[in-house]
Amino acid sequence: MSRLLIKLRHAPDDEIAEIRALLSEHHIDFYETQAGPWGVSAPAIWLKRDAQYERAKALLDRYQEQRFHAKRADY
């Protein structure tokens, strides 16, 4: 069964691309939903296999922490 990993509304394009690359690099199966033509649906990244959630969440948490520190240092 699919499981929501992260909502993408208001996420910058470079961050979304980096998340896609991270998941692909670690062979985690995912798909994306788009906001749709009227922006009603939720853009998000979903995992195809629920069993991969814990691993994907740990990778995402680590990535977001590193991104936070890098962006803060740039500021």
Protein backbone atom coordinates (compact mmCIF):
# COMPACT_ATOMS: atom_id res chain seq x y z
CA MET A 1 0.00 0.00 0.00
CA SER A 2 1.20 3.54 -0.74
CA ARG A 3 2.26 5.88 2.03
CA LEU A 4 2.72 9.64 2.06
CA LEU A 5 6.33 10.67 2.62
CA ILE A 6 6.24 14.45 2.18
CA LYS A 7 3.89 17.17 0.97
CA LEU A 8 5.46 19.43 -1.63
CA ARG A 9 3.28 22.54 -1.51
CA HIS A 10 5.56 25.61 -1.29
CA ALA A 11 8.72 23.45 -1.53
CA PRO A 12 11.40 24.95 -3.80
CA ASP A 13 12.19 23.12 -7.03
CA ASP A 14 15.79 22.43 -6.06
CA GLU A 15 14.70 20.74 -2.82
CA ILE A 16 12.17 18.56 -4.66
CA ALA A 17 14.83 17.53 -7.17
CA GLU A 18 17.26 16.66 -4.37
CA ILE A 19 14.62 14.54 -2.60
CA ARG A 20 13.87 12.68 -5.84
CA ALA A 21 17.60 12.03 -6.34
CA LEU A 22 18.01 10.87 -2.73
CA LEU A 23 15.17 8.36 -3.01
CA SER A 24 16.36 7.10 -6.39
CA GLU A 25 19.94 6.76 -5.15
CA HIS A 26 18.75 4.53 -2.29
CA HIS A 27 16.42 2.48 -4.55
CA ILE A 28 13.24 3.59 -2.82
CA ASP A 29 10.19 3.28 -5.06
CA PHE A 30 8.09 6.45 -5.11
CA TYR A 31 5.69 8.47 -7.22
CA GLU A 32 4.45 12.05 -7.15
CA THR A 33 1.05 13.66 -7.20
CA GLN A 34 0.67 17.12 -8.67
CA ALA A 35 -1.42 20.09 -7.52
CA GLY A 36 -3.63 19.78 -10.58
CA PRO A 37 -4.86 22.55 -12.85
CA TRP A 38 -6.68 24.44 -10.09
CA GLY A 39 -4.20 23.72 -7.30
CA VAL A 40 -6.78 21.76 -5.32
CA SER A 41 -4.97 18.43 -5.02
CA ALA A 42 -1.95 18.05 -2.77
CA PRO A 43 1.42 17.85 -4.49
CA ALA A 44 3.34 15.15 -2.65
CA ILE A 45 5.82 12.30 -2.82
CA TRP A 46 4.36 8.91 -1.99
CA LEU A 47 6.16 5.64 -1.37
CA LYS A 48 4.95 2.71 -3.43
CA ARG A 49 5.83 0.24 -0.66
CA ASP A 50 4.88 0.94 2.93
CA ALA A 51 7.74 -1.30 4.08
CA GLN A 52 10.26 1.30 2.84
CA TYR A 53 8.77 4.12 4.94
CA GLU A 54 11.08 3.95 7.99
CA ARG A 55 14.22 3.93 5.84
CA ALA A 56 12.93 6.72 3.58
CA LYS A 57 11.85 8.86 6.54
CA ALA A 58 15.27 8.49 8.20
CA LEU A 59 16.99 9.52 4.95
CA LEU A 60 14.63 12.46 4.51
CA ASP A 61 15.09 13.63 8.10
CA ARG A 62 18.88 13.55 7.72
CA TYR A 63 18.68 15.36 4.36
CA GLN A 64 16.43 18.09 5.77
CA GLU A 65 18.71 18.66 8.74
CA GLN A 66 21.74 18.99 6.45
CA ARG A 67 19.83 21.32 4.12
CA PHE A 68 18.75 23.49 7.05
CA HIS A 69 22.33 23.90 8.26
CA ALA A 70 23.63 24.60 4.74
CA LYS A 71 20.96 27.24 4.03
CA ARG A 72 21.51 28.83 7.42
CA ALA A 73 25.25 29.03 6.76
CA ASP A 74 24.57 30.64 3.38
CA TYR A 75 22.38 33.24 5.02
